[in-house]
PDB file of N, CA and C in Angstrom:
ATOM      1  N   UNK A   1       0.826  -1.183   0.000  1.00  0.00           N
ATOM      2  CA  UNK A   1       0.000   0.000   0.000  1.00  0.00           C
ATOM      3  C   UNK A   1       0.872   1.249   0.000  1.00  0.00           C
ATOM      4  N   UNK A   2       1.880   1.273   0.823  1.00  0.00           N
ATOM      5  CA  UNK A   2       2.742   2.441   0.898  1.00  0.00           C
ATOM      6  C   UNK A   2       3.467   2.693  -0.420  1.00  0.00           C
ATOM      7  N   UNK A   3       3.883   1.623  -1.094  1.00  0.00           N
ATOM      8  CA  UNK A   3       4.555   1.771  -2.382  1.00  0.00           C
ATOM      9  C   UNK A   3       3.632   2.401  -3.417  1.00  0.00           C
ATOM     10  N   UNK A   4       2.391   1.977  -3.469  1.00  0.00           N
ATOM     11  CA  UNK A   4       1.441   2.513  -4.443  1.00  0.00           C
ATOM     12  C   UNK A   4       1.140   3.980  -4.167  1.00  0.00           C
ATOM     13  N   UNK A   5       1.050   4.363  -2.929  1.00  0.00           N
ATOM     14  CA  UNK A   5       0.727   5.739  -2.584  1.00  0.00           C
ATOM     15  C   UNK A   5       1.877   6.698  -2.847  1.00  0.00           C
ATOM     16  N   UNK A   6       3.111   6.243  -2.654  1.00  0.00           N
ATOM     17  CA  UNK A   6       4.256   7.138  -2.765  1.00  0.00           C
ATOM     18  C   UNK A   6       4.977   7.065  -4.098  1.00  0.00           C
ATOM     19  N   UNK A   7       4.627   6.114  -4.938  1.00  0.00           N
ATOM     20  CA  UNK A   7       5.281   5.986  -6.235  1.00  0.00           C
ATOM     21  C   UNK A   7       4.873   7.142  -7.149  1.00  0.00           C
ATOM     22  N   UNK A   8       5.801   7.572  -7.975  1.00  0.00           N
ATOM     23  CA  UNK A   8       5.502   8.655  -8.921  1.00  0.00           C
ATOM     24  C   UNK A   8       4.707   8.150 -10.113  1.00  0.00           C
ATOM     25  N   UNK A   9       4.954   6.892 -10.486  1.00  0.00           N
ATOM     26  CA  UNK A   9       4.256   6.309 -11.631  1.00  0.00           C
ATOM     27  C   UNK A   9       4.003   4.836 -11.348  1.00  0.00           C
ATOM     28  N   UNK A  10       2.746   4.409 -11.481  1.00  0.00           N
ATOM     29  CA  UNK A  10       2.376   3.012 -11.259  1.00  0.00           C
ATOM     30  C   UNK A  10       1.873   2.437 -12.583  1.00  0.00           C
ATOM     31  N   UNK A  11       2.523   1.366 -13.031  1.00  0.00           N
ATOM     32  CA  UNK A  11       2.147   0.682 -14.266  1.00  0.00           C
ATOM     33  C   UNK A  11       1.684  -0.720 -13.893  1.00  0.00           C
ATOM     34  N   UNK A  12       0.495  -1.091 -14.353  1.00  0.00           N
ATOM     35  CA  UNK A  12      -0.070  -2.405 -14.065  1.00  0.00           C
ATOM     36  C   UNK A  12       0.065  -3.275 -15.316  1.00  0.00           C
ATOM     37  N   UNK A  13       0.680  -4.454 -15.149  1.00  0.00           N
ATOM     38  CA  UNK A  13       0.763  -5.449 -16.217  1.00  0.00           C
ATOM     39  C   UNK A  13      -0.210  -6.560 -15.873  1.00  0.00           C
ATOM     40  N   UNK A  14      -1.160  -6.836 -16.767  1.00  0.00           N
ATOM     41  CA  UNK A  14      -2.191  -7.820 -16.463  1.00  0.00           C
ATOM     42  C   UNK A  14      -2.784  -8.398 -17.734  1.00  0.00           C
ATOM     43  N   UNK A  15      -3.556  -9.466 -17.584  1.00  0.00           N
ATOM     44  CA  UNK A  15      -4.314 -10.021 -18.695  1.00  0.00           C
ATOM     45  C   UNK A  15      -5.551  -9.158 -18.911  1.00  0.00           C
ATOM     46  N   UNK A  16      -5.977  -9.062 -20.154  1.00  0.00           N
ATOM     47  CA  UNK A  16      -7.156  -8.258 -20.491  1.00  0.00           C
ATOM     48  C   UNK A  16      -8.435  -8.899 -19.950  1.00  0.00           C
ATOM     49  N   UNK A  17      -8.487 -10.236 -19.971  1.00  0.00           N
ATOM     50  CA  UNK A  17      -9.693 -10.949 -19.538  1.00  0.00           C
ATOM     51  C   UNK A  17      -9.336 -12.041 -18.537  1.00  0.00           C
ATOM     52  N   UNK A  18     -10.362 -12.504 -17.810  1.00  0.00           N
ATOM     53  CA  UNK A  18     -10.146 -13.632 -16.906  1.00  0.00           C
ATOM     54  C   UNK A  18     -10.271 -14.935 -17.690  1.00  0.00           C
ATOM     55  N   UNK A  19     -10.181 -16.071 -17.010  1.00  0.00           N
ATOM     56  CA  UNK A  19     -10.208 -17.360 -17.712  1.00  0.00           C
ATOM     57  C   UNK A  19     -11.550 -17.664 -18.365  1.00  0.00           C
ATOM     58  N   UNK A  20     -12.595 -16.912 -18.017  1.00  0.00           N
ATOM     59  CA  UNK A  20     -13.916 -17.098 -18.619  1.00  0.00           C
ATOM     60  C   UNK A  20     -14.187 -16.101 -19.745  1.00  0.00           C
ATOM     61  N   UNK A  21     -13.233 -15.234 -20.035  1.00  0.00           N
ATOM     62  CA  UNK A  21     -13.395 -14.253 -21.101  1.00  0.00           C
ATOM     63  C   UNK A  21     -14.010 -12.937 -20.643  1.00  0.00           C
ATOM     64  N   UNK A  22     -14.235 -12.776 -19.349  1.00  0.00           N
ATOM     65  CA  UNK A  22     -14.800 -11.522 -18.828  1.00  0.00           C
ATOM     66  C   UNK A  22     -13.693 -10.481 -18.698  1.00  0.00           C
ATOM     67  N   UNK A  23     -13.992  -9.216 -19.015  1.00  0.00           N
ATOM     68  CA  UNK A  23     -12.960  -8.181 -18.919  1.00  0.00           C
ATOM     69  C   UNK A  23     -12.518  -7.952 -17.479  1.00  0.00           C
ATOM     70  N   UNK A  24     -11.211  -7.746 -17.305  1.00  0.00           N
ATOM     71  CA  UNK A  24     -10.667  -7.457 -15.980  1.00  0.00           C
ATOM     72  C   UNK A  24     -10.629  -5.951 -15.701  1.00  0.00           C
ATOM     73  N   UNK A  25     -10.646  -5.151 -16.746  1.00  0.00           N
ATOM     74  CA  UNK A  25     -10.681  -3.698 -16.578  1.00  0.00           C
ATOM     75  C   UNK A  25     -12.147  -3.302 -16.445  1.00  0.00           C
ATOM     76  N   UNK A  26     -12.517  -2.840 -15.262  1.00  0.00           N
ATOM     77  CA  UNK A  26     -13.926  -2.538 -14.962  1.00  0.00           C
ATOM     78  C   UNK A  26     -14.072  -1.090 -14.486  1.00  0.00           C
ATOM     79  N   UNK A  27     -15.312  -0.606 -14.491  1.00  0.00           N
ATOM     80  CA  UNK A  27     -15.590   0.766 -14.049  1.00  0.00           C
ATOM     81  C   UNK A  27     -15.352   0.955 -12.563  1.00  0.00           C
ATOM     82  N   UNK A  28     -15.692  -0.069 -11.795  1.00  0.00           N
ATOM     83  CA  UNK A  28     -15.610   0.046 -10.339  1.00  0.00           C
ATOM     84  C   UNK A  28     -15.113  -1.265  -9.746  1.00  0.00           C
ATOM     85  N   UNK A  29     -14.184  -1.172  -8.821  1.00  0.00           N
ATOM     86  CA  UNK A  29     -13.615  -2.356  -8.189  1.00  0.00           C
ATOM     87  C   UNK A  29     -14.566  -2.885  -7.117  1.00  0.00           C
ATOM     88  N   UNK A  30     -14.726  -4.201  -7.067  1.00  0.00           N
ATOM     89  CA  UNK A  30     -15.598  -4.820  -6.064  1.00  0.00           C
ATOM     90  C   UNK A  30     -14.794  -5.343  -4.875  1.00  0.00           C
ATOM     91  N   UNK A  31     -13.481  -5.352  -4.990  1.00  0.00           N
ATOM     92  CA  UNK A  31     -12.617  -5.821  -3.914  1.00  0.00           C
ATOM     93  C   UNK A  31     -12.126  -4.633  -3.079  1.00  0.00           C
ATOM     94  N   UNK A  32     -11.696  -4.883  -1.859  1.00  0.00           N
ATOM     95  CA  UNK A  32     -11.137  -3.785  -1.053  1.00  0.00           C
ATOM     96  C   UNK A  32      -9.876  -3.219  -1.718  1.00  0.00           C
ATOM     97  N   UNK A  33      -9.737  -1.904  -1.716  1.00  0.00           N
ATOM     98  CA  UNK A  33      -8.587  -1.245  -2.325  1.00  0.00           C
ATOM     99  C   UNK A  33      -7.542  -0.899  -1.276  1.00  0.00           C
ATOM    100  N   UNK A  34      -6.288  -1.084  -1.639  1.00  0.00           N
ATOM    101  CA  UNK A  34      -5.205  -0.665  -0.746  1.00  0.00           C
ATOM    102  C   UNK A  34      -4.823   0.782  -1.025  1.00  0.00           C
ATOM    103  N   UNK A  35      -5.022   1.228  -2.278  1.00  0.00           N
ATOM    104  CA  UNK A  35      -4.727   2.608  -2.653  1.00  0.00           C
ATOM    105  C   UNK A  35      -5.580   2.963  -3.861  1.00  0.00           C
ATOM    106  N   UNK A  36      -6.409   3.980  -3.729  1.00  0.00           N
ATOM    107  CA  UNK A  36      -7.323   4.366  -4.812  1.00  0.00           C
ATOM    108  C   UNK A  36      -6.666   5.372  -5.757  1.00  0.00           C
ATOM    109  N   UNK A  37      -6.982   5.260  -7.033  1.00  0.00           N
ATOM    110  CA  UNK A  37      -6.555   6.195  -8.079  1.00  0.00           C
ATOM    111  C   UNK A  37      -5.040   6.401  -8.125  1.00  0.00           C
ATOM    112  N   UNK A  38      -4.306   5.304  -8.082  1.00  0.00           N
ATOM    113  CA  UNK A  38      -2.846   5.413  -8.092  1.00  0.00           C
ATOM    114  C   UNK A  38      -2.228   4.906  -9.392  1.00  0.00           C
ATOM    115  N   UNK A  39      -3.008   4.279 -10.268  1.00  0.00           N
ATOM    116  CA  UNK A  39      -2.477   3.677 -11.493  1.00  0.00           C
ATOM    117  C   UNK A  39      -2.404   4.728 -12.604  1.00  0.00           C
ATOM    118  N   UNK A  40      -1.258   4.755 -13.319  1.00  0.00           N
ATOM    119  CA  UNK A  40      -1.059   5.683 -14.426  1.00  0.00           C
ATOM    120  C   UNK A  40      -1.202   5.011 -15.790  1.00  0.00           C
ATOM    121  N   UNK A  41      -0.889   3.707 -15.849  1.00  0.00           N
ATOM    122  CA  UNK A  41      -0.900   3.004 -17.126  1.00  0.00           C
ATOM    123  C   UNK A  41      -1.250   1.538 -16.895  1.00  0.00           C
ATOM    124  N   UNK A  42      -2.004   0.953 -17.852  1.00  0.00           N
ATOM    125  CA  UNK A  42      -2.321  -0.476 -17.833  1.00  0.00           C
ATOM    126  C   UNK A  42      -1.810  -1.073 -19.133  1.00  0.00           C
ATOM    127  N   UNK A  43      -1.032  -2.143 -19.020  1.00  0.00           N
ATOM    128  CA  UNK A  43      -0.527  -2.853 -20.193  1.00  0.00           C
ATOM    129  C   UNK A  43      -1.065  -4.278 -20.150  1.00  0.00           C
ATOM    130  N   UNK A  44      -1.749  -4.691 -21.229  1.00  0.00           N
ATOM    131  CA  UNK A  44      -2.265  -6.050 -21.344  1.00  0.00           C
ATOM    132  C   UNK A  44      -1.674  -6.692 -22.597  1.00  0.00           C
ATOM    133  N   UNK A  45      -2.044  -7.933 -22.853  1.00  0.00           N
ATOM    134  CA  UNK A  45      -1.576  -8.620 -24.057  1.00  0.00           C
ATOM    135  C   UNK A  45      -2.246  -8.070 -25.315  1.00  0.00           C
ATOM    136  N   UNK A  46      -3.306  -7.272 -25.159  1.00  0.00           N
ATOM    137  CA  UNK A  46      -4.033  -6.714 -26.302  1.00  0.00           C
ATOM    138  C   UNK A  46      -3.722  -5.245 -26.575  1.00  0.00           C
ATOM    139  N   UNK A  47      -3.449  -4.467 -25.504  1.00  0.00           N
ATOM    140  CA  UNK A  47      -3.341  -3.024 -25.688  1.00  0.00           C
ATOM    141  C   UNK A  47      -2.644  -2.354 -24.513  1.00  0.00           C
ATOM    142  N   UNK A  48      -2.383  -1.056 -24.695  1.00  0.00           N
ATOM    143  CA  UNK A  48      -1.831  -0.205 -23.646  1.00  0.00           C
ATOM    144  C   UNK A  48      -2.805   0.944 -23.426  1.00  0.00           C
ATOM    145  N   UNK A  49      -3.105   1.218 -22.154  1.00  0.00           N
ATOM    146  CA  UNK A  49      -4.035   2.287 -21.790  1.00  0.00           C
ATOM    147  C   UNK A  49      -3.349   3.278 -20.857  1.00  0.00           C
ATOM    148  N   UNK A  50      -3.521   4.555 -21.121  1.00  0.00           N
ATOM    149  CA  UNK A  50      -3.116   5.611 -20.197  1.00  0.00           C
ATOM    150  C   UNK A  50      -4.344   5.960 -19.366  1.00  0.00           C
ATOM    151  N   UNK A  51      -4.151   6.295 -18.117  1.00  0.00           N
ATOM    152  CA  UNK A  51      -5.250   6.691 -17.247  1.00  0.00           C
ATOM    153  C   UNK A  51      -5.261   8.213 -17.170  1.00  0.00           C
ATOM    154  N   UNK A  52      -6.407   8.813 -17.461  1.00  0.00           N
ATOM    155  CA  UNK A  52      -6.538  10.262 -17.360  1.00  0.00           C
ATOM    156  C   UNK A  52      -7.714  10.597 -16.452  1.00  0.00           C
ATOM    157  N   UNK A  53      -7.918  11.855 -16.203  1.00  0.00           N
ATOM    158  CA  UNK A  53      -9.044  12.299 -15.378  1.00  0.00           C
ATOM    159  C   UNK A  53     -10.374  11.977 -16.047  1.00  0.00           C
ATOM    160  N   UNK A  54     -10.352  11.803 -17.372  1.00  0.00           N
ATOM    161  CA  UNK A  54     -11.572  11.526 -18.137  1.00  0.00           C
ATOM    162  C   UNK A  54     -11.798  10.042 -18.378  1.00  0.00           C
ATOM    163  N   UNK A  55     -10.857   9.193 -17.970  1.00  0.00           N
ATOM    164  CA  UNK A  55     -11.004   7.753 -18.163  1.00  0.00           C
ATOM    165  C   UNK A  55      -9.784   7.148 -18.828  1.00  0.00           C
ATOM    166  N   UNK A  56      -9.968   6.019 -19.476  1.00  0.00           N
ATOM    167  CA  UNK A  56      -8.877   5.318 -20.147  1.00  0.00           C
ATOM    168  C   UNK A  56      -8.670   5.859 -21.553  1.00  0.00           C
ATOM    169  N   UNK A  57      -7.416   5.968 -21.953  1.00  0.00           N
ATOM    170  CA  UNK A  57      -7.062   6.374 -23.309  1.00  0.00           C
ATOM    171  C   UNK A  57      -6.266   5.234 -23.923  1.00  0.00           C
ATOM    172  N   UNK A  58      -6.779   4.668 -25.004  1.00  0.00           N
ATOM    173  CA  UNK A  58      -6.093   3.592 -25.715  1.00  0.00           C
ATOM    174  C   UNK A  58      -4.916   4.199 -26.479  1.00  0.00           C
ATOM    175  N   UNK A  59      -3.689   3.822 -26.110  1.00  0.00           N
ATOM    176  CA  UNK A  59      -2.509   4.399 -26.763  1.00  0.00           C
ATOM    177  C   UNK A  59      -1.852   3.446 -27.749  1.00  0.00           C
ATOM    178  N   UNK A  60      -1.935   2.152 -27.508  1.00  0.00           N
ATOM    179  CA  UNK A  60      -1.356   1.154 -28.404  1.00  0.00           C
ATOM    180  C   UNK A  60      -2.281  -0.048 -28.494  1.00  0.00           C
ATOM    181  N   UNK A  61      -2.364  -0.602 -29.689  1.00  0.00           N
ATOM    182  CA  UNK A  61      -3.164  -1.797 -29.945  1.00  0.00           C
ATOM    183  C   UNK A  61      -2.238  -2.837 -30.549  1.00  0.00           C
ATOM    184  N   UNK A  62      -2.139  -4.009 -29.939  1.00  0.00           N
ATOM    185  CA  UNK A  62      -1.224  -5.033 -30.407  1.00  0.00           C
ATOM    186  C   UNK A  62      -1.906  -5.961 -31.407  1.00  0.00           C
ATOM    187  N   UNK A  63      -1.192  -6.274 -32.505  1.00  0.00           N
ATOM    188  CA  UNK A  63      -1.704  -7.194 -33.521  1.00  0.00           C
ATOM    189  C   UNK A  63      -1.796  -8.591 -32.909  1.00  0.00           C
ATOM    190  N   UNK A  64      -2.729  -9.380 -33.283  1.00  0.00           N
ATOM    191  CA  UNK A  64      -3.770  -9.248 -34.288  1.00  0.00           C
ATOM    192  C   UNK A  64      -5.091  -8.742 -33.726  1.00  0.00           C
ATOM    193  N   UNK A  65      -5.091  -8.110 -32.557  1.00  0.00           N
ATOM    194  CA  UNK A  65      -6.310  -7.691 -31.893  1.00  0.00           C
ATOM    195  C   UNK A  65      -6.908  -6.444 -32.522  1.00  0.00           C
ATOM    196  N   UNK A  66      -8.233  -6.319 -32.446  1.00  0.00           N
ATOM    197  CA  UNK A  66      -8.927  -5.159 -33.008  1.00  0.00           C
ATOM    198  C   UNK A  66      -9.509  -4.322 -31.877  1.00  0.00           C
ATOM    199  N   UNK A  67      -9.943  -3.136 -32.197  1.00  0.00           N
ATOM    200  CA  UNK A  67     -10.563  -2.259 -31.220  1.00  0.00           C
ATOM    201  C   UNK A  67     -11.836  -2.892 -30.665  1.00  0.00           C
ATOM    202  N   UNK A  68     -12.569  -3.611 -31.501  1.00  0.00           N
ATOM    203  CA  UNK A  68     -13.792  -4.279 -31.037  1.00  0.00           C
ATOM    204  C   UNK A  68     -13.489  -5.345 -29.991  1.00  0.00           C
ATOM    205  N   UNK A  69     -12.381  -6.049 -30.134  1.00  0.00           N
ATOM    206  CA  UNK A  69     -11.993  -7.056 -29.142  1.00  0.00           C
ATOM    207  C   UNK A  69     -11.619  -6.411 -27.821  1.00  0.00           C
ATOM    208  N   UNK A  70     -10.908  -5.303 -27.907  1.00  0.00           N
ATOM    209  CA  UNK A  70     -10.425  -4.620 -26.712  1.00  0.00           C
ATOM    210  C   UNK A  70     -11.594  -3.970 -26.024  1.00  0.00           C
TER     211      UNK A  70
END
């Protein structure tokens, strides 16, 4: 928790979906948070997202994935 709060930049590396195909990037977390609003970037096997005050910004899309898949 302390690392997430004091870090200048937090990058999360994760899978885009769970083993059932459900998206892991959601509007609201259902689990307890150790530090809220600390992530700056999310990198998955499909794409790269920057986090802004307005939401997620898709910055890179990895082949062979499409925007519809992401």
